[in-house]
Amino acid sequence: MPAEETSKVGGGRLLASAVLIGAGVLVEPELLGGALLGAGLVYGLPIVGQLLGPVVTSAVQLGYSTVASVGDLLGGARDQIHGMVASARSDYERSRSSSVTS
């Protein structure tokens, strides 16, 4: 749908909403606040979504890269600890076997 037709459709929806809210207010004036709040949500959420979409995408990407970095860091630390434990175990077994033979 071309942009010109889209704006006509959006304008028609807005006009229809305004007419319905106006008619509702004539019948029940107490409902004006809720009607305006509902209309604001219906027309405002897509705009907020368009504005926050890139921010949320960037935040998710940053979180993912942070988790991946932490995972790599923990993997390296785990390898170092395994190396230390293996070294300590071999030293222990070597000292134990030399004390048994003497």
N, C-alpha and C. Protein backbone atom coordinates (compact mmCIF):
# COMPACT_ATOMS: atom_id res chain seq x y z
N MET A 1 0.84 -1.17 0.00
CA MET A 1 0.00 0.00 0.00
C MET A 1 0.89 1.24 0.00
N PRO A 2 0.69 2.18 -0.94
CA PRO A 2 1.50 3.40 -0.97
C PRO A 2 1.30 4.23 0.28
N ALA A 3 2.28 5.10 0.56
CA ALA A 3 2.25 5.91 1.77
C ALA A 3 1.04 6.83 1.81
N GLU A 4 0.62 7.34 0.64
CA GLU A 4 -0.53 8.25 0.59
C GLU A 4 -1.81 7.53 1.00
N GLU A 5 -1.98 6.29 0.52
CA GLU A 5 -3.16 5.51 0.89
C GLU A 5 -3.12 5.13 2.36
N THR A 6 -1.94 4.83 2.87
CA THR A 6 -1.79 4.46 4.27
C THR A 6 -2.18 5.62 5.17
N SER A 7 -1.76 6.84 4.81
CA SER A 7 -2.10 8.00 5.64
C SER A 7 -3.60 8.27 5.57
N LYS A 8 -4.24 8.01 4.42
CA LYS A 8 -5.69 8.19 4.34
C LYS A 8 -6.41 7.19 5.22
N VAL A 9 -5.94 5.95 5.22
CA VAL A 9 -6.55 4.92 6.06
C VAL A 9 -6.34 5.26 7.53
N GLY A 10 -5.14 5.68 7.93
CA GLY A 10 -4.86 6.06 9.30
C GLY A 10 -5.69 7.25 9.72
N GLY A 11 -5.84 8.24 8.84
CA GLY A 11 -6.66 9.40 9.13
C GLY A 11 -8.12 9.02 9.28
N GLY A 12 -8.58 8.08 8.49
CA GLY A 12 -9.96 7.60 8.60
C GLY A 12 -10.20 6.89 9.92
N ARG A 13 -9.24 6.10 10.35
CA ARG A 13 -9.36 5.42 11.64
C ARG A 13 -9.39 6.43 12.78
N LEU A 14 -8.55 7.44 12.69
CA LEU A 14 -8.50 8.47 13.73
C LEU A 14 -9.80 9.24 13.78
N LEU A 15 -10.33 9.60 12.62
CA LEU A 15 -11.60 10.33 12.57
C LEU A 15 -12.74 9.47 13.11
N ALA A 16 -12.78 8.20 12.74
CA ALA A 16 -13.83 7.31 13.24
C ALA A 16 -13.71 7.15 14.76
N SER A 17 -12.50 7.05 15.26
CA SER A 17 -12.31 6.94 16.70
C SER A 17 -12.78 8.20 17.40
N ALA A 18 -12.45 9.35 16.84
CA ALA A 18 -12.86 10.62 17.45
C ALA A 18 -14.38 10.74 17.48
N VAL A 19 -15.04 10.32 16.41
CA VAL A 19 -16.51 10.37 16.36
C VAL A 19 -17.10 9.44 17.41
N LEU A 20 -16.57 8.23 17.53
CA LEU A 20 -17.08 7.28 18.51
C LEU A 20 -16.84 7.76 19.94
N ILE A 21 -15.67 8.32 20.19
CA ILE A 21 -15.39 8.85 21.54
C ILE A 21 -16.33 10.01 21.83
N GLY A 22 -16.52 10.88 20.85
CA GLY A 22 -17.45 12.01 21.04
C GLY A 22 -18.86 11.55 21.32
N ALA A 23 -19.33 10.56 20.59
CA ALA A 23 -20.68 10.03 20.82
C ALA A 23 -20.77 9.38 22.20
N GLY A 24 -19.74 8.67 22.59
CA GLY A 24 -19.74 8.04 23.91
C GLY A 24 -19.75 9.07 25.03
N VAL A 25 -19.04 10.16 24.83
CA VAL A 25 -18.99 11.21 25.86
C VAL A 25 -20.34 11.90 25.97
N LEU A 26 -21.06 12.04 24.85
CA LEU A 26 -22.40 12.64 24.90
C LEU A 26 -23.34 11.76 25.71
N VAL A 27 -23.18 10.45 25.61
CA VAL A 27 -24.04 9.52 26.33
C VAL A 27 -23.61 9.42 27.80
N GLU A 28 -22.33 9.23 28.03
CA GLU A 28 -21.78 9.07 29.39
C GLU A 28 -20.54 9.94 29.53
N PRO A 29 -20.67 11.17 30.00
CA PRO A 29 -19.50 12.06 30.10
C PRO A 29 -18.42 11.54 31.04
N GLU A 30 -18.78 10.68 31.98
CA GLU A 30 -17.79 10.15 32.93
C GLU A 30 -16.76 9.25 32.25
N LEU A 31 -17.08 8.77 31.09
CA LEU A 31 -16.19 7.84 30.39
C LEU A 31 -15.12 8.53 29.55
N LEU A 32 -15.08 9.87 29.56
CA LEU A 32 -14.15 10.60 28.72
C LEU A 32 -12.70 10.22 29.03
N GLY A 33 -12.33 10.19 30.31
CA GLY A 33 -10.95 9.86 30.69
C GLY A 33 -10.53 8.49 30.20
N GLY A 34 -11.36 7.51 30.43
CA GLY A 34 -11.04 6.15 29.98
C GLY A 34 -10.98 6.03 28.47
N ALA A 35 -11.89 6.73 27.79
CA ALA A 35 -11.89 6.70 26.33
C ALA A 35 -10.63 7.33 25.77
N LEU A 36 -10.23 8.46 26.34
CA LEU A 36 -9.01 9.11 25.86
C LEU A 36 -7.77 8.27 26.17
N LEU A 37 -7.77 7.64 27.34
CA LEU A 37 -6.66 6.77 27.69
C LEU A 37 -6.57 5.59 26.73
N GLY A 38 -7.71 4.98 26.45
CA GLY A 38 -7.72 3.86 25.51
C GLY A 38 -7.29 4.28 24.12
N ALA A 39 -7.77 5.44 23.66
CA ALA A 39 -7.37 5.92 22.33
C ALA A 39 -5.87 6.23 22.31
N GLY A 40 -5.39 6.80 23.40
CA GLY A 40 -3.96 7.10 23.47
C GLY A 40 -3.12 5.83 23.39
N LEU A 41 -3.58 4.78 24.06
CA LEU A 41 -2.85 3.51 24.01
C LEU A 41 -2.89 2.90 22.61
N VAL A 42 -4.08 2.93 22.00
CA VAL A 42 -4.22 2.32 20.67
C VAL A 42 -3.35 3.02 19.65
N TYR A 43 -3.31 4.36 19.71
CA TYR A 43 -2.54 5.10 18.71
C TYR A 43 -1.11 5.37 19.16
N GLY A 44 -0.84 5.31 20.45
CA GLY A 44 0.48 5.62 20.95
C GLY A 44 1.42 4.43 21.01
N LEU A 45 0.89 3.24 21.28
CA LEU A 45 1.77 2.07 21.43
C LEU A 45 2.57 1.74 20.17
N PRO A 46 1.98 1.81 18.97
CA PRO A 46 2.82 1.55 17.79
C PRO A 46 3.97 2.55 17.65
N ILE A 47 3.72 3.80 18.01
CA ILE A 47 4.79 4.81 17.92
C ILE A 47 5.87 4.50 18.95
N VAL A 48 5.45 4.18 20.17
CA VAL A 48 6.42 3.82 21.21
C VAL A 48 7.20 2.57 20.80
N GLY A 49 6.51 1.63 20.19
CA GLY A 49 7.18 0.41 19.71
C GLY A 49 8.23 0.72 18.66
N GLN A 50 7.92 1.64 17.77
CA GLN A 50 8.89 2.01 16.74
C GLN A 50 10.09 2.72 17.35
N LEU A 51 9.86 3.52 18.38
CA LEU A 51 10.96 4.23 19.02
C LEU A 51 11.81 3.30 19.88
N LEU A 52 11.15 2.39 20.60
CA LEU A 52 11.87 1.52 21.53
C LEU A 52 12.43 0.26 20.88
N GLY A 53 11.95 -0.07 19.70
CA GLY A 53 12.42 -1.29 19.03
C GLY A 53 13.94 -1.34 18.87
N PRO A 54 14.57 -0.32 18.31
CA PRO A 54 16.02 -0.35 18.17
C PRO A 54 16.74 -0.38 19.53
N VAL A 55 16.18 0.31 20.52
CA VAL A 55 16.80 0.33 21.85
C VAL A 55 16.77 -1.07 22.45
N VAL A 56 15.62 -1.73 22.35
CA VAL A 56 15.49 -3.08 22.90
C VAL A 56 16.40 -4.05 22.14
N THR A 57 16.47 -3.91 20.84
CA THR A 57 17.34 -4.78 20.04
C THR A 57 18.79 -4.60 20.46
N SER A 58 19.22 -3.37 20.64
CA SER A 58 20.60 -3.11 21.07
C SER A 58 20.85 -3.68 22.46
N ALA A 59 19.89 -3.54 23.36
CA ALA A 59 20.05 -4.06 24.72
C ALA A 59 20.17 -5.58 24.71
N VAL A 60 19.37 -6.25 23.89
CA VAL A 60 19.43 -7.71 23.80
C VAL A 60 20.77 -8.14 23.20
N GLN A 61 21.24 -7.44 22.18
CA GLN A 61 22.53 -7.77 21.59
C GLN A 61 23.66 -7.57 22.59
N LEU A 62 23.60 -6.48 23.35
CA LEU A 62 24.62 -6.22 24.36
C LEU A 62 24.60 -7.30 25.44
N GLY A 63 23.41 -7.68 25.89
CA GLY A 63 23.30 -8.75 26.88
C GLY A 63 23.84 -10.07 26.36
N TYR A 64 23.53 -10.38 25.11
CA TYR A 64 24.02 -11.63 24.52
C TYR A 64 25.54 -11.63 24.44
N SER A 65 26.12 -10.51 23.99
CA SER A 65 27.58 -10.46 23.88
C SER A 65 28.23 -10.53 25.26
N THR A 66 27.58 -9.93 26.27
CA THR A 66 28.11 -9.99 27.63
C THR A 66 28.10 -11.43 28.14
N VAL A 67 27.00 -12.12 27.92
CA VAL A 67 26.90 -13.52 28.37
C VAL A 67 27.93 -14.37 27.64
N ALA A 68 28.11 -14.13 26.35
CA ALA A 68 29.09 -14.91 25.59
C ALA A 68 30.50 -14.63 26.11
N SER A 69 30.80 -13.37 26.43
CA SER A 69 32.13 -13.03 26.96
C SER A 69 32.36 -13.68 28.32
N VAL A 70 31.36 -13.62 29.17
CA VAL A 70 31.47 -14.23 30.50
C VAL A 70 31.64 -15.75 30.36
N GLY A 71 30.93 -16.35 29.42
CA GLY A 71 31.07 -17.79 29.19
C GLY A 71 32.48 -18.14 28.75
N ASP A 72 33.06 -17.33 27.85
CA ASP A 72 34.44 -17.58 27.43
C ASP A 72 35.41 -17.41 28.59
N LEU A 73 35.18 -16.38 29.40
CA LEU A 73 36.04 -16.14 30.55
C LEU A 73 35.97 -17.30 31.54
N LEU A 74 34.76 -17.77 31.81
CA LEU A 74 34.60 -18.90 32.73
C LEU A 74 35.20 -20.18 32.15
N GLY A 75 35.10 -20.35 30.85
CA GLY A 75 35.70 -21.53 30.22
C GLY A 75 37.21 -21.53 30.38
N GLY A 76 37.84 -20.36 30.20
CA GLY A 76 39.28 -20.25 30.39
C GLY A 76 39.68 -20.50 31.84
N ALA A 77 38.90 -19.95 32.77
CA ALA A 77 39.19 -20.17 34.20
C ALA A 77 39.03 -21.64 34.56
N ARG A 78 38.01 -22.28 34.01
CA ARG A 78 37.80 -23.71 34.27
C ARG A 78 38.99 -24.53 33.77
N ASP A 79 39.49 -24.19 32.58
CA ASP A 79 40.64 -24.91 32.04
C ASP A 79 41.87 -24.73 32.93
N GLN A 80 42.07 -23.50 33.42
CA GLN A 80 43.21 -23.26 34.30
C GLN A 80 43.09 -24.05 35.60
N ILE A 81 41.90 -24.09 36.17
CA ILE A 81 41.69 -24.83 37.42
C ILE A 81 41.91 -26.32 37.20
N HIS A 82 41.40 -26.84 36.09
CA HIS A 82 41.63 -28.25 35.77
C HIS A 82 43.12 -28.54 35.65
N GLY A 83 43.86 -27.61 35.02
CA GLY A 83 45.31 -27.79 34.89
C GLY A 83 46.00 -27.79 36.25
N MET A 84 45.58 -26.87 37.13
CA MET A 84 46.17 -26.83 38.47
C MET A 84 45.86 -28.10 39.26
N VAL A 85 44.62 -28.57 39.17
CA VAL A 85 44.23 -29.79 39.89
C VAL A 85 45.00 -30.98 39.35
N ALA A 86 45.15 -31.06 38.04
CA ALA A 86 45.90 -32.18 37.45
C ALA A 86 47.36 -32.13 37.88
N SER A 87 47.95 -30.94 37.90
CA SER A 87 49.33 -30.79 38.34
C SER A 87 49.49 -31.19 39.81
N ALA A 88 48.57 -30.71 40.65
CA ALA A 88 48.63 -31.05 42.08
C ALA A 88 48.45 -32.56 42.28
N ARG A 89 47.56 -33.16 41.53
CA ARG A 89 47.32 -34.60 41.65
C ARG A 89 48.55 -35.38 41.23
N SER A 90 49.18 -34.97 40.12
CA SER A 90 50.37 -35.71 39.68
C SER A 90 51.51 -35.52 40.67
N ASP A 91 51.67 -34.30 41.23
CA ASP A 91 52.71 -34.08 42.26
C ASP A 91 52.43 -34.94 43.48
N TYR A 92 51.18 -35.00 43.89
CA TYR A 92 50.81 -35.81 45.06
C TYR A 92 51.09 -37.29 44.82
N GLU A 93 50.67 -37.79 43.66
CA GLU A 93 50.89 -39.20 43.35
C GLU A 93 52.37 -39.51 43.22
N ARG A 94 53.15 -38.59 42.67
CA ARG A 94 54.59 -38.78 42.52
C ARG A 94 55.26 -38.81 43.90
N SER A 95 54.84 -37.89 44.78
CA SER A 95 55.43 -37.87 46.13
C SER A 95 55.00 -39.10 46.93
N ARG A 96 53.79 -39.54 46.71
CA ARG A 96 53.27 -40.71 47.43
C ARG A 96 53.98 -41.98 46.96
N SER A 97 54.19 -42.07 45.64
CA SER A 97 54.86 -43.27 45.13
C SER A 97 56.33 -43.28 45.52
N SER A 98 56.99 -42.11 45.62
CA SER A 98 58.38 -42.09 46.01
C SER A 98 58.53 -42.40 47.51
N SER A 99 57.55 -42.02 48.35
CA SER A 99 57.62 -42.32 49.78
C SER A 99 57.32 -43.80 50.03
N VAL A 100 56.51 -44.44 49.21
CA VAL A 100 56.20 -45.86 49.37
C VAL A 100 57.41 -46.70 48.98
N THR A 101 58.15 -46.33 47.95
CA THR A 101 59.30 -47.11 47.51
C THR A 101 60.51 -46.90 48.40
N SER A 102 60.56 -45.81 49.19
CA SER A 102 61.73 -45.61 50.02
C SER A 102 61.61 -46.28 51.35
